[in-house]
Amino acid sequence: PLGVSAGRPGQPEPQTLDYGPAKLDIYAPAGAKNLPVVFFVHGGAWRFGKRSQVGSKPDFLLANGFVFVSIDYRMLPEADVATQAGDVEKAYAYVRA
């Protein structure tokens, strides 16, 4: 669903969902069906960062006919690299379902 964020006028408001080990945000135009999806895994050397650090990506992609998904995943050192890769895989499978 598309809404308006109090943080930045006109910025799409994501739908936040729990995919298991963490959460993901889906930015989609109202009534979106069968649109291509951009799946975003934030940077931060697997140690820091968050799914909300998307800048203007949702604005641009929604305006050009895409759905945008940004995920969180468990961080080092609490989670090892294999666990992090598993989190990304689970989020991707959740979005594809």
PDB file of N, CA and C in Angstrom:
ATOM      1  N   PRO A   1       0.825  -1.199   0.000  1.00  0.00           N
ATOM      2  CA  PRO A   1       0.000   0.000   0.000  1.00  0.00           C
ATOM      3  C   PRO A   1       0.862   1.253   0.000  1.00  0.00           C
ATOM      4  N   LEU A   2       0.363   2.269  -0.609  1.00  0.00           N
ATOM      5  CA  LEU A   2       1.091   3.520  -0.744  1.00  0.00           C
ATOM      6  C   LEU A   2       0.440   4.554   0.150  1.00  0.00           C
ATOM      7  N   GLY A   3       1.217   5.243   0.945  1.00  0.00           N
ATOM      8  CA  GLY A   3       0.704   6.290   1.811  1.00  0.00           C
ATOM      9  C   GLY A   3       1.670   7.446   1.807  1.00  0.00           C
ATOM     10  N   VAL A   4       1.568   8.293   2.790  1.00  0.00           N
ATOM     11  CA  VAL A   4       2.468   9.427   2.893  1.00  0.00           C
ATOM     12  C   VAL A   4       3.181   9.352   4.229  1.00  0.00           C
ATOM     13  N   SER A   5       4.477   9.459   4.195  1.00  0.00           N
ATOM     14  CA  SER A   5       5.288   9.414   5.406  1.00  0.00           C
ATOM     15  C   SER A   5       5.375  10.807   6.017  1.00  0.00           C
ATOM     16  N   ALA A   6       5.328  10.866   7.337  1.00  0.00           N
ATOM     17  CA  ALA A   6       5.483  12.152   8.012  1.00  0.00           C
ATOM     18  C   ALA A   6       6.911  12.666   7.877  1.00  0.00           C
ATOM     19  N   GLY A   7       7.869  11.762   7.617  1.00  0.00           N
ATOM     20  CA  GLY A   7       9.269  12.144   7.532  1.00  0.00           C
ATOM     21  C   GLY A   7       9.613  12.947   6.300  1.00  0.00           C
ATOM     22  N   ARG A   8       9.010  12.631   5.185  1.00  0.00           N
ATOM     23  CA  ARG A   8       9.326  13.305   3.933  1.00  0.00           C
ATOM     24  C   ARG A   8       8.053  13.397   3.107  1.00  0.00           C
ATOM     25  N   PRO A   9       7.544  14.589   2.839  1.00  0.00           N
ATOM     26  CA  PRO A   9       6.283  14.709   2.102  1.00  0.00           C
ATOM     27  C   PRO A   9       6.332  13.965   0.775  1.00  0.00           C
ATOM     28  N   GLY A  10       5.301  13.168   0.523  1.00  0.00           N
ATOM     29  CA  GLY A  10       5.202  12.443  -0.730  1.00  0.00           C
ATOM     30  C   GLY A  10       5.966  11.141  -0.774  1.00  0.00           C
ATOM     31  N   GLN A  11       6.766  10.843   0.251  1.00  0.00           N
ATOM     32  CA  GLN A  11       7.527   9.590   0.258  1.00  0.00           C
ATOM     33  C   GLN A  11       6.571   8.422   0.466  1.00  0.00           C
ATOM     34  N   PRO A  12       6.712   7.361  -0.324  1.00  0.00           N
ATOM     35  CA  PRO A  12       5.841   6.200  -0.137  1.00  0.00           C
ATOM     36  C   PRO A  12       5.995   5.606   1.260  1.00  0.00           C
ATOM     37  N   GLU A  13       4.896   5.161   1.817  1.00  0.00           N
ATOM     38  CA  GLU A  13       4.891   4.500   3.120  1.00  0.00           C
ATOM     39  C   GLU A  13       4.908   2.994   2.866  1.00  0.00           C
ATOM     40  N   PRO A  14       5.881   2.279   3.406  1.00  0.00           N
ATOM     41  CA  PRO A  14       5.946   0.839   3.125  1.00  0.00           C
ATOM     42  C   PRO A  14       4.964   0.042   3.969  1.00  0.00           C
ATOM     43  N   GLN A  15       4.661  -1.140   3.473  1.00  0.00           N
ATOM     44  CA  GLN A  15       3.976  -2.147   4.277  1.00  0.00           C
ATOM     45  C   GLN A  15       5.095  -2.977   4.903  1.00  0.00           C
ATOM     46  N   THR A  16       5.138  -3.057   6.226  1.00  0.00           N
ATOM     47  CA  THR A  16       6.179  -3.806   6.928  1.00  0.00           C
ATOM     48  C   THR A  16       5.639  -5.168   7.311  1.00  0.00           C
ATOM     49  N   LEU A  17       6.384  -6.209   6.934  1.00  0.00           N
ATOM     50  CA  LEU A  17       5.981  -7.587   7.201  1.00  0.00           C
ATOM     51  C   LEU A  17       7.115  -8.334   7.889  1.00  0.00           C
ATOM     52  N   ASP A  18       6.742  -9.330   8.654  1.00  0.00           N
ATOM     53  CA  ASP A  18       7.702 -10.189   9.345  1.00  0.00           C
ATOM     54  C   ASP A  18       7.876 -11.447   8.503  1.00  0.00           C
ATOM     55  N   TYR A  19       9.070 -11.682   7.970  1.00  0.00           N
ATOM     56  CA  TYR A  19       9.292 -12.864   7.139  1.00  0.00           C
ATOM     57  C   TYR A  19       9.899 -14.023   7.921  1.00  0.00           C
ATOM     58  N   GLY A  20      10.072 -13.873   9.207  1.00  0.00           N
ATOM     59  CA  GLY A  20      10.651 -14.935  10.033  1.00  0.00           C
ATOM     60  C   GLY A  20      11.709 -14.367  10.938  1.00  0.00           C
ATOM     61  N   PRO A  21      12.982 -14.427  10.519  1.00  0.00           N
ATOM     62  CA  PRO A  21      14.049 -13.947  11.390  1.00  0.00           C
ATOM     63  C   PRO A  21      14.099 -12.420  11.523  1.00  0.00           C
ATOM     64  N   ALA A  22      13.488 -11.693  10.621  1.00  0.00           N
ATOM     65  CA  ALA A  22      13.530 -10.224  10.652  1.00  0.00           C
ATOM     66  C   ALA A  22      12.325  -9.679   9.885  1.00  0.00           C
ATOM     67  N   LYS A  23      12.374  -8.401   9.539  1.00  0.00           N
ATOM     68  CA  LYS A  23      11.259  -7.753   8.846  1.00  0.00           C
ATOM     69  C   LYS A  23      11.703  -7.275   7.468  1.00  0.00           C
ATOM     70  N   LEU A  24      10.707  -7.028   6.627  1.00  0.00           N
ATOM     71  CA  LEU A  24      10.954  -6.436   5.324  1.00  0.00           C
ATOM     72  C   LEU A  24       9.904  -5.373   5.060  1.00  0.00           C
ATOM     73  N   ASP A  25      10.241  -4.416   4.215  1.00  0.00           N
ATOM     74  CA  ASP A  25       9.325  -3.356   3.802  1.00  0.00           C
ATOM     75  C   ASP A  25       9.011  -3.533   2.330  1.00  0.00           C
ATOM     76  N   ILE A  26       7.725  -3.451   2.007  1.00  0.00           N
ATOM     77  CA  ILE A  26       7.281  -3.517   0.620  1.00  0.00           C
ATOM     78  C   ILE A  26       6.695  -2.163   0.249  1.00  0.00           C
ATOM     79  N   TYR A  27       7.257  -1.562  -0.780  1.00  0.00           N
ATOM     80  CA  TYR A  27       6.744  -0.318  -1.340  1.00  0.00           C
ATOM     81  C   TYR A  27       6.082  -0.691  -2.663  1.00  0.00           C
ATOM     82  N   ALA A  28       4.781  -0.468  -2.754  1.00  0.00           N
ATOM     83  CA  ALA A  28       4.059  -0.850  -3.966  1.00  0.00           C
ATOM     84  C   ALA A  28       2.975   0.173  -4.262  1.00  0.00           C
ATOM     85  N   PRO A  29       2.739   0.457  -5.544  1.00  0.00           N
ATOM     86  CA  PRO A  29       1.634   1.346  -5.877  1.00  0.00           C
ATOM     87  C   PRO A  29       0.304   0.674  -5.535  1.00  0.00           C
ATOM     88  N   ALA A  30      -0.701   1.470  -5.235  1.00  0.00           N
ATOM     89  CA  ALA A  30      -2.030   0.935  -4.933  1.00  0.00           C
ATOM     90  C   ALA A  30      -2.492   0.041  -6.077  1.00  0.00           C
ATOM     91  N   GLY A  31      -3.012  -1.134  -5.733  1.00  0.00           N
ATOM     92  CA  GLY A  31      -3.541  -2.059  -6.729  1.00  0.00           C
ATOM     93  C   GLY A  31      -2.496  -2.746  -7.580  1.00  0.00           C
ATOM     94  N   ALA A  32      -1.250  -2.744  -7.154  1.00  0.00           N
ATOM     95  CA  ALA A  32      -0.167  -3.341  -7.947  1.00  0.00           C
ATOM     96  C   ALA A  32      -0.404  -4.831  -8.158  1.00  0.00           C
ATOM     97  N   LYS A  33      -0.280  -5.270  -9.398  1.00  0.00           N
ATOM     98  CA  LYS A  33      -0.377  -6.694  -9.731  1.00  0.00           C
ATOM     99  C   LYS A  33       0.612  -6.991 -10.852  1.00  0.00           C
ATOM    100  N   ASN A  34       1.344  -8.069 -10.686  1.00  0.00           N
ATOM    101  CA  ASN A  34       2.260  -8.557 -11.723  1.00  0.00           C
ATOM    102  C   ASN A  34       3.307  -7.529 -12.156  1.00  0.00           C
ATOM    103  N   LEU A  35       3.764  -6.721 -11.217  1.00  0.00           N
ATOM    104  CA  LEU A  35       4.843  -5.779 -11.521  1.00  0.00           C
ATOM    105  C   LEU A  35       6.185  -6.422 -11.197  1.00  0.00           C
ATOM    106  N   PRO A  36       7.242  -6.020 -11.890  1.00  0.00           N
ATOM    107  CA  PRO A  36       8.570  -6.517 -11.520  1.00  0.00           C
ATOM    108  C   PRO A  36       8.957  -5.988 -10.137  1.00  0.00           C
ATOM    109  N   VAL A  37       9.779  -6.762  -9.437  1.00  0.00           N
ATOM    110  CA  VAL A  37      10.174  -6.436  -8.068  1.00  0.00           C
ATOM    111  C   VAL A  37      11.684  -6.218  -8.002  1.00  0.00           C
ATOM    112  N   VAL A  38      12.082  -5.138  -7.353  1.00  0.00           N
ATOM    113  CA  VAL A  38      13.486  -4.907  -7.028  1.00  0.00           C
ATOM    114  C   VAL A  38      13.660  -5.304  -5.565  1.00  0.00           C
ATOM    115  N   PHE A  39      14.541  -6.266  -5.312  1.00  0.00           N
ATOM    116  CA  PHE A  39      14.791  -6.825  -3.985  1.00  0.00           C
ATOM    117  C   PHE A  39      16.099  -6.234  -3.475  1.00  0.00           C
ATOM    118  N   PHE A  40      16.031  -5.449  -2.395  1.00  0.00           N
ATOM    119  CA  PHE A  40      17.175  -4.669  -1.921  1.00  0.00           C
ATOM    120  C   PHE A  40      17.685  -5.202  -0.585  1.00  0.00           C
ATOM    121  N   VAL A  41      18.990  -5.488  -0.543  1.00  0.00           N
ATOM    122  CA  VAL A  41      19.674  -5.882   0.688  1.00  0.00           C
ATOM    123  C   VAL A  41      20.644  -4.741   1.012  1.00  0.00           C
ATOM    124  N   HIS A  42      20.377  -4.026   2.103  1.00  0.00           N
ATOM    125  CA  HIS A  42      21.177  -2.841   2.436  1.00  0.00           C
ATOM    126  C   HIS A  42      22.638  -3.195   2.697  1.00  0.00           C
ATOM    127  N   GLY A  43      23.483  -2.213   2.530  1.00  0.00           N
ATOM    128  CA  GLY A  43      24.902  -2.360   2.822  1.00  0.00           C
ATOM    129  C   GLY A  43      25.178  -2.193   4.306  1.00  0.00           C
ATOM    130  N   GLY A  44      26.441  -2.283   4.667  1.00  0.00           N
ATOM    131  CA  GLY A  44      26.856  -2.122   6.054  1.00  0.00           C
ATOM    132  C   GLY A  44      27.794  -3.212   6.515  1.00  0.00           C
ATOM    133  N   ALA A  45      28.427  -3.891   5.556  1.00  0.00           N
ATOM    134  CA  ALA A  45      29.418  -4.928   5.868  1.00  0.00           C
ATOM    135  C   ALA A  45      28.847  -6.030   6.746  1.00  0.00           C
ATOM    136  N   TRP A  46      27.539  -6.247   6.650  1.00  0.00           N
ATOM    137  CA  TRP A  46      26.829  -7.287   7.410  1.00  0.00           C
ATOM    138  C   TRP A  46      26.838  -7.017   8.911  1.00  0.00           C
ATOM    139  N   ARG A  47      27.304  -5.824   9.327  1.00  0.00           N
ATOM    140  CA  ARG A  47      27.407  -5.493  10.754  1.00  0.00           C
ATOM    141  C   ARG A  47      26.451  -4.383  11.188  1.00  0.00           C
ATOM    142  N   PHE A  48      26.030  -3.532  10.271  1.00  0.00           N
ATOM    143  CA  PHE A  48      25.143  -2.424  10.634  1.00  0.00           C
ATOM    144  C   PHE A  48      24.303  -2.047   9.429  1.00  0.00           C
ATOM    145  N   GLY A  49      23.361  -1.153   9.646  1.00  0.00           N
ATOM    146  CA  GLY A  49      22.441  -0.737   8.598  1.00  0.00           C
ATOM    147  C   GLY A  49      21.039  -1.215   8.917  1.00  0.00           C
ATOM    148  N   LYS A  50      20.087  -0.718   8.137  1.00  0.00           N
ATOM    149  CA  LYS A  50      18.699  -1.120   8.339  1.00  0.00           C
ATOM    150  C   LYS A  50      17.905  -0.963   7.051  1.00  0.00           C
ATOM    151  N   ARG A  51      16.795  -1.650   7.005  1.00  0.00           N
ATOM    152  CA  ARG A  51      15.980  -1.700   5.790  1.00  0.00           C
ATOM    153  C   ARG A  51      15.427  -0.339   5.387  1.00  0.00           C
ATOM    154  N   SER A  52      15.327   0.584   6.326  1.00  0.00           N
ATOM    155  CA  SER A  52      14.763   1.902   6.024  1.00  0.00           C
ATOM    156  C   SER A  52      15.753   2.825   5.308  1.00  0.00           C
ATOM    157  N   GLN A  53      17.002   2.416   5.174  1.00  0.00           N
ATOM    158  CA  GLN A  53      18.013   3.250   4.516  1.00  0.00           C
ATOM    159  C   GLN A  53      17.937   3.052   3.002  1.00  0.00           C
ATOM    160  N   VAL A  54      16.886   3.615   2.412  1.00  0.00           N
ATOM    161  CA  VAL A  54      16.628   3.384   0.991  1.00  0.00           C
ATOM    162  C   VAL A  54      16.725   4.645   0.141  1.00  0.00           C
ATOM    163  N   GLY A  55      16.862   5.802   0.781  1.00  0.00           N
ATOM    164  CA  GLY A  55      16.950   7.043   0.023  1.00  0.00           C
ATOM    165  C   GLY A  55      15.743   7.242  -0.873  1.00  0.00           C
ATOM    166  N   SER A  56      15.987   7.627  -2.108  1.00  0.00           N
ATOM    167  CA  SER A  56      14.900   7.894  -3.055  1.00  0.00           C
ATOM    168  C   SER A  56      14.578   6.692  -3.943  1.00  0.00           C
ATOM    169  N   LYS A  57      15.157   5.534  -3.636  1.00  0.00           N
ATOM    170  CA  LYS A  57      14.909   4.349  -4.468  1.00  0.00           C
ATOM    171  C   LYS A  57      13.421   4.035  -4.618  1.00  0.00           C
ATOM    172  N   PRO A  58      12.636   3.989  -3.517  1.00  0.00           N
ATOM    173  CA  PRO A  58      11.215   3.672  -3.694  1.00  0.00           C
ATOM    174  C   PRO A  58      10.493   4.675  -4.595  1.00  0.00           C
ATOM    175  N   ASP A  59      10.752   5.965  -4.416  1.00  0.00           N
ATOM    176  CA  ASP A  59      10.104   6.989  -5.240  1.00  0.00           C
ATOM    177  C   ASP A  59      10.367   6.731  -6.721  1.00  0.00           C
ATOM    178  N   PHE A  60      11.629   6.555  -7.055  1.00  0.00           N
ATOM    179  CA  PHE A  60      12.022   6.364  -8.448  1.00  0.00           C
ATOM    180  C   PHE A  60      11.441   5.078  -9.028  1.00  0.00           C
ATOM    181  N   LEU A  61      11.565   3.988  -8.282  1.00  0.00           N
ATOM    182  CA  LEU A  61      11.132   2.692  -8.810  1.00  0.00           C
ATOM    183  C   LEU A  61       9.618   2.600  -8.936  1.00  0.00           C
ATOM    184  N   LEU A  62       8.868   3.106  -7.963  1.00  0.00           N
ATOM    185  CA  LEU A  62       7.413   3.092  -8.076  1.00  0.00           C
ATOM    186  C   LEU A  62       6.959   3.927  -9.267  1.00  0.00           C
ATOM    187  N   ALA A  63       7.603   5.069  -9.477  1.00  0.00           N
ATOM    188  CA  ALA A  63       7.245   5.935 -10.603  1.00  0.00           C
ATOM    189  C   ALA A  63       7.533   5.279 -11.945  1.00  0.00           C
ATOM    190  N   ASN A  64       8.389   4.247 -11.939  1.00  0.00           N
ATOM    191  CA  ASN A  64       8.759   3.573 -13.183  1.00  0.00           C
ATOM    192  C   ASN A  64       8.219   2.153 -13.285  1.00  0.00           C
ATOM    193  N   GLY A  65       7.176   1.852 -12.509  1.00  0.00           N
ATOM    194  CA  GLY A  65       6.467   0.586 -12.672  1.00  0.00           C
ATOM    195  C   GLY A  65       7.029  -0.610 -11.929  1.00  0.00           C
ATOM    196  N   PHE A  66       7.764  -0.371 -10.861  1.00  0.00           N
ATOM    197  CA  PHE A  66       8.334  -1.465 -10.073  1.00  0.00           C
ATOM    198  C   PHE A  66       7.753  -1.471  -8.667  1.00  0.00           C
ATOM    199  N   VAL A  67       7.821  -2.630  -8.030  1.00  0.00           N
ATOM    200  CA  VAL A  67       7.626  -2.773  -6.594  1.00  0.00           C
ATOM    201  C   VAL A  67       9.028  -2.831  -6.001  1.00  0.00           C
ATOM    202  N   PHE A  68       9.213  -2.232  -4.830  1.00  0.00           N
ATOM    203  CA  PHE A  68      10.521  -2.198  -4.179  1.00  0.00           C
ATOM    204  C   PHE A  68      10.411  -2.872  -2.822  1.00  0.00           C
ATOM    205  N   VAL A  69      11.307  -3.817  -2.553  1.00  0.00           N
ATOM    206  CA  VAL A  69      11.336  -4.530  -1.275  1.00  0.00           C
ATOM    207  C   VAL A  69      12.714  -4.336  -0.649  1.00  0.00           C
ATOM    208  N   SER A  70      12.728  -3.925   0.617  1.00  0.00           N
ATOM    209  CA  SER A  70      13.970  -3.742   1.365  1.00  0.00           C
ATOM    210  C   SER A  70      13.896  -4.585   2.628  1.00  0.00           C
ATOM    211  N   ILE A  71      14.965  -5.339   2.902  1.00  0.00           N
ATOM    212  CA  ILE A  71      14.923  -6.290   4.017  1.00  0.00           C
ATOM    213  C   ILE A  71      15.917  -5.943   5.122  1.00  0.00           C
ATOM    214  N   ASP A  72      15.590  -6.414   6.319  1.00  0.00           N
ATOM    215  CA  ASP A  72      16.550  -6.492   7.413  1.00  0.00           C
ATOM    216  C   ASP A  72      17.014  -7.936   7.506  1.00  0.00           C
ATOM    217  N   TYR A  73      18.140  -8.136   8.134  1.00  0.00           N
ATOM    218  CA  TYR A  73      18.684  -9.474   8.379  1.00  0.00           C
ATOM    219  C   TYR A  73      19.476  -9.397   9.676  1.00  0.00           C
ATOM    220  N   ARG A  74      19.732 -10.530  10.272  1.00  0.00           N
ATOM    221  CA  ARG A  74      20.506 -10.543  11.519  1.00  0.00           C
ATOM    222  C   ARG A  74      21.958 -10.150  11.233  1.00  0.00           C
ATOM    223  N   MET A  75      22.570  -9.466  12.184  1.00  0.00           N
ATOM    224  CA  MET A  75      23.892  -8.863  11.992  1.00  0.00           C
ATOM    225  C   MET A  75      25.015  -9.652  12.661  1.00  0.00           C
ATOM    226  N   LEU A  76      26.232  -9.458  12.108  1.00  0.00           N
ATOM    227  CA  LEU A  76      27.443  -9.916  12.777  1.00  0.00           C
ATOM    228  C   LEU A  76      27.626  -9.100  14.052  1.00  0.00           C
ATOM    229  N   PRO A  77      28.166  -9.563  15.098  1.00  0.00           N
ATOM    230  CA  PRO A  77      28.692 -10.904  15.293  1.00  0.00           C
ATOM    231  C   PRO A  77      27.653 -11.893  15.828  1.00  0.00           C
ATOM    232  N   GLU A  78      26.421 -11.423  16.113  1.00  0.00           N
ATOM    233  CA  GLU A  78      25.403 -12.327  16.659  1.00  0.00           C
ATOM    234  C   GLU A  78      25.053 -13.444  15.683  1.00  0.00           C
ATOM    235  N   ALA A  79      25.045 -13.138  14.398  1.00  0.00           N
ATOM    236  CA  ALA A  79      24.738 -14.129  13.366  1.00  0.00           C
ATOM    237  C   ALA A  79      25.957 -14.292  12.464  1.00  0.00           C
ATOM    238  N   ASP A  80      26.276 -15.529  12.127  1.00  0.00           N
ATOM    239  CA  ASP A  80      27.405 -15.746  11.212  1.00  0.00           C
ATOM    240  C   ASP A  80      26.943 -15.536   9.766  1.00  0.00           C
ATOM    241  N   VAL A  81      27.887 -15.571   8.845  1.00  0.00           N
ATOM    242  CA  VAL A  81      27.593 -15.276   7.442  1.00  0.00           C
ATOM    243  C   VAL A  81      26.593 -16.267   6.853  1.00  0.00           C
ATOM    244  N   ALA A  82      26.693 -17.535   7.210  1.00  0.00           N
ATOM    245  CA  ALA A  82      25.741 -18.531   6.701  1.00  0.00           C
ATOM    246  C   ALA A  82      24.322 -18.213   7.178  1.00  0.00           C
ATOM    247  N   THR A  83      24.183 -17.778   8.411  1.00  0.00           N
ATOM    248  CA  THR A  83      22.870 -17.395   8.943  1.00  0.00           C
ATOM    249  C   THR A  83      22.337 -16.174   8.206  1.00  0.00           C
ATOM    250  N   GLN A  84      23.201 -15.215   7.945  1.00  0.00           N
ATOM    251  CA  GLN A  84      22.786 -14.018   7.215  1.00  0.00           C
ATOM    252  C   GLN A  84      22.336 -14.365   5.798  1.00  0.00           C
ATOM    253  N   ALA A  85      23.095 -15.220   5.132  1.00  0.00           N
ATOM    254  CA  ALA A  85      22.699 -15.656   3.791  1.00  0.00           C
ATOM    255  C   ALA A  85      21.354 -16.370   3.850  1.00  0.00           C
ATOM    256  N   GLY A  86      21.140 -17.158   4.892  1.00  0.00           N
ATOM    257  CA  GLY A  86      19.855 -17.828   5.075  1.00  0.00           C
ATOM    258  C   GLY A  86      18.723 -16.837   5.279  1.00  0.00           C
ATOM    259  N   ASP A  87      18.979 -15.753   6.010  1.00  0.00           N
ATOM    260  CA  ASP A  87      17.964 -14.716   6.198  1.00  0.00           C
ATOM    261  C   ASP A  87      17.579 -14.089   4.859  1.00  0.00           C
ATOM    262  N   VAL A  88      18.571 -13.773   4.040  1.00  0.00           N
ATOM    263  CA  VAL A  88      18.299 -13.190   2.725  1.00  0.00           C
ATOM    264  C   VAL A  88      17.496 -14.175   1.880  1.00  0.00           C
ATOM    265  N   GLU A  89      17.880 -15.436   1.906  1.00  0.00           N
ATOM    266  CA  GLU A  89      17.161 -16.468   1.152  1.00  0.00           C
ATOM    267  C   GLU A  89      15.709 -16.578   1.622  1.00  0.00           C
ATOM    268  N   LYS A  90      15.481 -16.562   2.934  1.00  0.00           N
ATOM    269  CA  LYS A  90      14.113 -16.649   3.474  1.00  0.00           C
ATOM    270  C   LYS A  90      13.288 -15.440   3.066  1.00  0.00           C
ATOM    271  N   ALA A  91      13.879 -14.258   3.110  1.00  0.00           N
ATOM    272  CA  ALA A  91      13.156 -13.051   2.706  1.00  0.00           C
ATOM    273  C   ALA A  91      12.784 -13.119   1.229  1.00  0.00           C
ATOM    274  N   TYR A  92      13.706 -13.569   0.403  1.00  0.00           N
ATOM    275  CA  TYR A  92      13.447 -13.687  -1.033  1.00  0.00           C
ATOM    276  C   TYR A  92      12.334 -14.701  -1.299  1.00  0.00           C
ATOM    277  N   ALA A  93      12.385 -15.834  -0.622  1.00  0.00           N
ATOM    278  CA  ALA A  93      11.338 -16.852  -0.784  1.00  0.00           C
ATOM    279  C   ALA A  93       9.988 -16.306  -0.325  1.00  0.00           C
ATOM    280  N   TYR A  94       9.973 -15.534   0.747  1.00  0.00           N
ATOM    281  CA  TYR A  94       8.735 -14.942   1.256  1.00  0.00           C
ATOM    282  C   TYR A  94       8.132 -14.003   0.212  1.00  0.00           C
ATOM    283  N   VAL A  95       8.968 -13.181  -0.403  1.00  0.00           N
ATOM    284  CA  VAL A  95       8.494 -12.235  -1.415  1.00  0.00           C
ATOM    285  C   VAL A  95       7.990 -12.973  -2.649  1.00  0.00           C
ATOM    286  N   ARG A  96       8.647 -14.053  -3.016  1.00  0.00           N
ATOM    287  CA  ARG A  96       8.251 -14.818  -4.214  1.00  0.00           C
ATOM    288  C   ARG A  96       6.968 -15.615  -4.011  1.00  0.00           C
ATOM    289  N   ALA A  97       6.628 -15.925  -2.760  1.00  0.00           N
ATOM    290  CA  ALA A  97       5.451 -16.771  -2.476  1.00  0.00           C
ATOM    291  C   ALA A  97       4.148 -16.061  -2.792  1.00  0.00           C
TER     292      ALA A  97
END
